[in-house]
C-alpha atoms as a PDB file:
ATOM      1  CA  MET A   1     -10.023 -81.333  24.152  1.00  0.00           C
ATOM      2  CA  VAL A   2      -8.536 -78.093  22.995  1.00  0.00           C
ATOM      3  CA  ARG A   3     -10.730 -75.108  23.307  1.00  0.00           C
ATOM      4  CA  PRO A   4     -10.506 -72.451  20.646  1.00  0.00           C
ATOM      5  CA  THR A   5      -9.264 -69.123  21.950  1.00  0.00           C
ATOM      6  CA  PRO A   6     -11.781 -66.360  21.604  1.00  0.00           C
ATOM      7  CA  GLN A   7     -10.913 -63.780  18.989  1.00  0.00           C
ATOM      8  CA  ILE A   8     -10.806 -60.234  20.198  1.00  0.00           C
ATOM      9  CA  GLN A   9     -12.645 -57.805  17.980  1.00  0.00           C
ATOM     10  CA  ARG A  10     -10.760 -54.565  17.449  1.00  0.00           C
ATOM     11  CA  GLY A  11     -12.154 -51.394  15.945  1.00  0.00           C
ATOM     12  CA  LEU A  12     -14.794 -48.780  16.553  1.00  0.00           C
ATOM     13  CA  THR A  13     -18.474 -49.142  16.827  1.00  0.00           C
ATOM     14  CA  LEU A  14     -20.681 -47.040  14.618  1.00  0.00           C
ATOM     15  CA  ILE A  15     -21.683 -44.888  17.601  1.00  0.00           C
ATOM     16  CA  GLU A  16     -18.034 -44.204  18.512  1.00  0.00           C
ATOM     17  CA  LEU A  17     -17.220 -43.322  14.914  1.00  0.00           C
ATOM     18  CA  LEU A  18     -20.176 -40.907  14.651  1.00  0.00           C
ATOM     19  CA  ALA A  19     -19.271 -39.249  17.960  1.00  0.00           C
ATOM     20  CA  GLY A  20     -15.690 -38.757  16.759  1.00  0.00           C
ATOM     21  CA  LEU A  21     -16.868 -37.288  13.471  1.00  0.00           C
ATOM     22  CA  ALA A  22     -19.240 -34.909  15.294  1.00  0.00           C
ATOM     23  CA  LEU A  23     -16.391 -33.742  17.527  1.00  0.00           C
ATOM     24  CA  LEU A  24     -14.115 -33.251  14.502  1.00  0.00           C
ATOM     25  CA  ALA A  25     -16.815 -31.261  12.667  1.00  0.00           C
ATOM     26  CA  THR A  26     -17.292 -29.003  15.708  1.00  0.00           C
ATOM     27  CA  VAL A  27     -13.561 -28.323  16.034  1.00  0.00           C
ATOM     28  CA  LEU A  28     -13.229 -27.606  12.307  1.00  0.00           C
ATOM     29  CA  GLY A  29     -16.292 -25.354  12.407  1.00  0.00           C
ATOM     30  CA  LEU A  30     -14.575 -23.236  15.041  1.00  0.00           C
ATOM     31  CA  ALA A  31     -11.097 -23.300  13.469  1.00  0.00           C
ATOM     32  CA  ILE A  32     -11.864 -22.568   9.809  1.00  0.00           C
ATOM     33  CA  PRO A  33     -13.137 -18.969  10.257  1.00  0.00           C
ATOM     34  CA  ALA A  34     -10.115 -18.116  12.414  1.00  0.00           C
ATOM     35  CA  LEU A  35      -7.804 -19.667   9.824  1.00  0.00           C
ATOM     36  CA  ARG A  36      -9.520 -17.729   7.004  1.00  0.00           C
ATOM     37  CA  ASP A  37      -9.134 -14.442   8.925  1.00  0.00           C
ATOM     38  CA  SER A  38      -5.487 -15.225   9.617  1.00  0.00           C
ATOM     39  CA  LEU A  39      -4.826 -15.963   5.939  1.00  0.00           C
ATOM     40  CA  GLN A  40      -6.532 -12.703   4.894  1.00  0.00           C
ATOM     41  CA  ARG A  41      -4.436 -10.693   7.382  1.00  0.00           C
ATOM     42  CA  ASN A  42      -1.260 -12.387   6.135  1.00  0.00           C
ATOM     43  CA  ARG A  43      -2.218 -11.619   2.522  1.00  0.00           C
ATOM     44  CA  LEU A  44      -2.910  -7.986   3.501  1.00  0.00           C
ATOM     45  CA  ASP A  45       0.405  -7.632   5.347  1.00  0.00           C
ATOM     46  CA  SER A  46       2.293  -9.188   2.438  1.00  0.00           C
ATOM     47  CA  ALA A  47       0.662  -6.930  -0.171  1.00  0.00           C
ATOM     48  CA  THR A  48       1.309  -3.880   2.026  1.00  0.00           C
ATOM     49  CA  ARG A  49       5.011  -4.743   2.353  1.00  0.00           C
ATOM     50  CA  GLN A  50       5.294  -5.447  -1.378  1.00  0.00           C
ATOM     51  CA  MET A  51       3.664  -2.148  -2.330  1.00  0.00           C
ATOM     52  CA  GLN A  52       5.854  -0.244   0.139  1.00  0.00           C
ATOM     53  CA  ALA A  53       8.956  -1.973  -1.231  1.00  0.00           C
ATOM     54  CA  HIS A  54       8.016  -1.147  -4.834  1.00  0.00           C
ATOM     55  CA  LEU A  55       7.425   2.507  -3.936  1.00  0.00           C
ATOM     56  CA  ALA A  56      10.881   2.585  -2.318  1.00  0.00           C
ATOM     57  CA  LEU A  57      12.362   0.864  -5.386  1.00  0.00           C
ATOM     58  CA  ALA A  58      10.787   3.400  -7.748  1.00  0.00           C
ATOM     59  CA  ARG A  59      12.085   6.307  -5.650  1.00  0.00           C
ATOM     60  CA  SER A  60      15.604   4.888  -5.351  1.00  0.00           C
ATOM     61  CA  GLN A  61      15.750   4.113  -9.098  1.00  0.00           C
ATOM     62  CA  ALA A  62      14.703   7.688  -9.898  1.00  0.00           C
ATOM     63  CA  ILE A  63      17.492   9.051  -7.674  1.00  0.00           C
ATOM     64  CA  HIS A  64      20.059   6.523  -8.902  1.00  0.00           C
ATOM     65  CA  THR A  65      19.394   7.035 -12.619  1.00  0.00           C
ATOM     66  CA  GLY A  66      18.504  10.727 -12.478  1.00  0.00           C
ATOM     67  CA  ARG A  67      15.341  10.003 -14.482  1.00  0.00           C
ATOM     68  CA  THR A  68      11.624   9.987 -13.765  1.00  0.00           C
ATOM     69  CA  VAL A  69      10.391   6.608 -12.555  1.00  0.00           C
ATOM     70  CA  THR A  70       6.681   5.853 -12.280  1.00  0.00           C
ATOM     71  CA  MET A  71       4.672   3.164 -10.545  1.00  0.00           C
ATOM     72  CA  ALA A  72       1.262   2.747 -12.194  1.00  0.00           C
ATOM     73  CA  HIS A  73      -1.515   0.232 -11.801  1.00  0.00           C
ATOM     74  CA  THR A  74      -2.246  -2.251 -14.543  1.00  0.00           C
ATOM     75  CA  GLY A  75      -5.786  -3.088 -15.500  1.00  0.00           C
ATOM     76  CA  SER A  76      -8.627  -1.223 -13.875  1.00  0.00           C
ATOM     77  CA  GLY A  77      -6.940  -0.506 -10.530  1.00  0.00           C
ATOM     78  CA  TRP A  78      -4.125  -1.257  -8.091  1.00  0.00           C
ATOM     79  CA  SER A  79      -5.696  -4.602  -7.132  1.00  0.00           C
ATOM     80  CA  GLN A  80      -5.081  -5.707 -10.733  1.00  0.00           C
ATOM     81  CA  GLY A  81      -1.327  -5.327 -10.193  1.00  0.00           C
ATOM     82  CA  TRP A  82       1.220  -2.634 -10.934  1.00  0.00           C
ATOM     83  CA  VAL A  83       4.346  -1.886 -12.900  1.00  0.00           C
ATOM     84  CA  VAL A  84       7.423   0.234 -12.085  1.00  0.00           C
ATOM     85  CA  PHE A  85       9.106   1.783 -15.138  1.00  0.00           C
ATOM     86  CA  HIS A  86      11.295   4.602 -16.446  1.00  0.00           C
ATOM     87  CA  ASP A  87       8.920   7.299 -17.695  1.00  0.00           C
ATOM     88  CA  PRO A  88      10.901   9.947 -19.637  1.00  0.00           C
ATOM     89  CA  ASN A  89       7.790  11.373 -21.322  1.00  0.00           C
ATOM     90  CA  ARG A  90       6.000  11.625 -17.935  1.00  0.00           C
ATOM     91  CA  ASN A  91       2.673  10.290 -19.169  1.00  0.00           C
ATOM     92  CA  ALA A  92       2.299   7.778 -16.292  1.00  0.00           C
ATOM     93  CA  ARG A  93       1.813   4.905 -18.738  1.00  0.00           C
ATOM     94  CA  PRO A  94       4.412   2.303 -19.692  1.00  0.00           C
ATOM     95  CA  ASP A  95       5.015   2.870 -23.395  1.00  0.00           C
ATOM     96  CA  GLN A  96       6.726   0.321 -25.626  1.00  0.00           C
ATOM     97  CA  ASP A  97      10.106   2.033 -25.652  1.00  0.00           C
ATOM     98  CA  GLU A  98      10.247   2.556 -21.862  1.00  0.00           C
ATOM     99  CA  THR A  99      12.208   0.261 -19.561  1.00  0.00           C
ATOM    100  CA  ILE A 100      10.164  -1.866 -17.170  1.00  0.00           C
ATOM    101  CA  ILE A 101      11.931  -2.200 -13.821  1.00  0.00           C
ATOM    102  CA  THR A 102       9.497  -4.639 -12.215  1.00  0.00           C
ATOM    103  CA  ARG A 103       5.918  -5.878 -12.351  1.00  0.00           C
ATOM    104  CA  HIS A 104       3.629  -7.056  -9.601  1.00  0.00           C
ATOM    105  CA  PRO A 105       0.689  -9.411 -10.260  1.00  0.00           C
ATOM    106  CA  ALA A 106      -2.963  -8.974  -9.307  1.00  0.00           C
ATOM    107  CA  GLN A 107      -3.961  -9.261  -5.660  1.00  0.00           C
ATOM    108  CA  SER A 108      -6.952 -11.583  -5.266  1.00  0.00           C
ATOM    109  CA  GLY A 109      -9.179 -10.996  -2.270  1.00  0.00           C
ATOM    110  CA  LEU A 110      -7.787  -7.489  -1.686  1.00  0.00           C
ATOM    111  CA  SER A 111      -8.938  -4.021  -2.531  1.00  0.00           C
ATOM    112  CA  ILE A 112      -6.189  -1.430  -3.087  1.00  0.00           C
ATOM    113  CA  GLU A 113      -7.133   2.192  -3.682  1.00  0.00           C
ATOM    114  CA  GLY A 114      -5.133   5.391  -3.881  1.00  0.00           C
ATOM    115  CA  ASN A 115      -6.490   8.884  -3.402  1.00  0.00           C
ATOM    116  CA  GLY A 116      -6.028  11.838  -5.751  1.00  0.00           C
ATOM    117  CA  SER A 117      -3.482  11.216  -8.503  1.00  0.00           C
ATOM    118  CA  MET A 118      -2.319   8.183  -6.545  1.00  0.00           C
ATOM    119  CA  ALA A 119      -5.501   6.480  -7.716  1.00  0.00           C
ATOM    120  CA  ARG A 120      -3.648   5.949 -11.027  1.00  0.00           C
ATOM    121  CA  TYR A 121       0.101   6.408 -10.514  1.00  0.00           C
ATOM    122  CA  VAL A 122       3.002   7.630  -8.398  1.00  0.00           C
ATOM    123  CA  ALA A 123       5.861   9.291 -10.271  1.00  0.00           C
ATOM    124  CA  PHE A 124       9.224  10.150  -8.724  1.00  0.00           C
ATOM    125  CA  SER A 125      11.461  12.908 -10.061  1.00  0.00           C
ATOM    126  CA  ALA A 126      15.232  12.559 -10.421  1.00  0.00           C
ATOM    127  CA  GLN A 127      15.535  14.081  -6.924  1.00  0.00           C
ATOM    128  CA  GLY A 128      13.272  11.355  -5.477  1.00  0.00           C
ATOM    129  CA  SER A 129      10.279  13.550  -4.736  1.00  0.00           C
ATOM    130  CA  PRO A 130       6.850  12.334  -5.819  1.00  0.00           C
ATOM    131  CA  THR A 131       5.329  14.453  -8.563  1.00  0.00           C
ATOM    132  CA  GLN A 132       2.233  14.555 -10.690  1.00  0.00           C
ATOM    133  CA  VAL A 133       2.609  14.418 -14.464  1.00  0.00           C
ATOM    134  CA  ASN A 134       2.095  18.199 -14.584  1.00  0.00           C
ATOM    135  CA  GLY A 135       5.038  18.716 -12.195  1.00  0.00           C
ATOM    136  CA  ALA A 136       3.016  19.529  -9.063  1.00  0.00           C
ATOM    137  CA  PHE A 137       3.956  17.772  -5.832  1.00  0.00           C
ATOM    138  CA  LEU A 138       2.249  14.511  -4.984  1.00  0.00           C
ATOM    139  CA  ALA A 139       1.270  13.150  -1.590  1.00  0.00           C
ATOM    140  CA  GLY A 140      -1.506  10.821  -0.561  1.00  0.00           C
ATOM    141  CA  THR A 141      -2.621   7.488   0.788  1.00  0.00           C
ATOM    142  CA  PHE A 142      -3.054   3.941  -0.437  1.00  0.00           C
ATOM    143  CA  LEU A 143      -5.769   2.018   1.411  1.00  0.00           C
ATOM    144  CA  LEU A 144      -5.434  -1.770   1.299  1.00  0.00           C
ATOM    145  CA  CYS A 145      -8.396  -3.863   2.516  1.00  0.00           C
ATOM    146  CA  THR A 146      -9.404  -7.504   2.811  1.00  0.00           C
ATOM    147  CA  GLU A 147     -12.870  -8.862   2.100  1.00  0.00           C
ATOM    148  CA  GLY A 148     -13.214  -9.339   5.866  1.00  0.00           C
ATOM    149  CA  GLY A 149     -12.702  -5.630   6.560  1.00  0.00           C
ATOM    150  CA  ALA A 150      -9.100  -5.612   7.815  1.00  0.00           C
ATOM    151  CA  ARG A 151      -7.211  -2.645   6.395  1.00  0.00           C
ATOM    152  CA  ARG A 152      -3.825  -0.969   6.232  1.00  0.00           C
ATOM    153  CA  ALA A 153      -2.799   2.372   4.788  1.00  0.00           C
ATOM    154  CA  LEU A 154       0.435   3.510   3.202  1.00  0.00           C
ATOM    155  CA  VAL A 155       0.774   7.262   3.639  1.00  0.00           C
ATOM    156  CA  MET A 156       3.260   9.096   1.440  1.00  0.00           C
ATOM    157  CA  ASN A 157       4.362  12.651   2.230  1.00  0.00           C
ATOM    158  CA  LYS A 158       5.615  15.206  -0.295  1.00  0.00           C
ATOM    159  CA  SER A 159       9.253  14.165   0.195  1.00  0.00           C
ATOM    160  CA  GLY A 160       8.429  10.588  -0.842  1.00  0.00           C
ATOM    161  CA  ARG A 161       8.654   9.027   2.615  1.00  0.00           C
ATOM    162  CA  VAL A 162       6.097   6.232   3.023  1.00  0.00           C
ATOM    163  CA  ARG A 163       4.821   5.186   6.429  1.00  0.00           C
ATOM    164  CA  LEU A 164       2.486   2.384   7.438  1.00  0.00           C
ATOM    165  CA  ASP A 165      -0.754   3.146   9.261  1.00  0.00           C
ATOM    166  CA  ALA A 166      -1.959  -0.172  10.699  1.00  0.00           C
ATOM    167  CA  GLN A 167      -5.220   1.316  12.060  1.00  0.00           C
ATOM    168  CA  PRO A 168      -6.344   3.729   9.330  1.00  0.00           C
ATOM    169  CA  ALA A 169      -9.524   5.717   9.426  1.00  0.00           C
ATOM    170  CA  GLY A 170     -11.709   5.539   6.367  1.00  0.00           C
ATOM    171  CA  HIS A 171     -13.587   2.798   4.661  1.00  0.00           C
ATOM    172  CA  CYS A 172     -12.826   0.382   1.914  1.00  0.00           C
ATOM    173  CA  SER A 173     -15.010   0.562  -1.172  1.00  0.00           C
ATOM    174  CA  GLY A 174     -16.873  -2.586  -0.130  1.00  0.00           C
ATOM    175  CA  ASP A 175     -17.444  -1.556   3.514  1.00  0.00           C
ATOM    176  CA  GLN A 176     -20.933  -0.991   4.792  1.00  0.00           C
ATOM    177  CA  GLU A 177     -21.390   2.070   6.960  1.00  0.00           C
END
């Protein structure tokens, strides 16, 4: 008589499956906040580099063309994006007949603030020096912040040189003191 061979059951028991899911949930619970912080820092670093590059572009275009070039925020602030344009009437607003050099879109999850006149615009004269619309010199700081509190500052001196401050003093508008 031929005996049937026993069939081997393969798979996981319910207990093994639940233990694996609990382990996975624990690992994800630890990894997700670190991943979120890393993504916010990357977004902050990228926006900082982009803003610094657009300031350099505006300055170099002013020198190259011998005309005033302005970088101004769009919307209600720098976080809403910005535009770089030729500004012959020096009103710090892109008018219909003025040439747009480049635009930059809104920055979600970031706060970007400038101090003084830099809260609204940065204009560069034909010599490449930052100026206010009334002709006075312009210098100041842009503070870029994430929702998590990480921040960077772009500091511009009166010659138009921009440097990065990776550990700036000061608080973002949403910071609690």
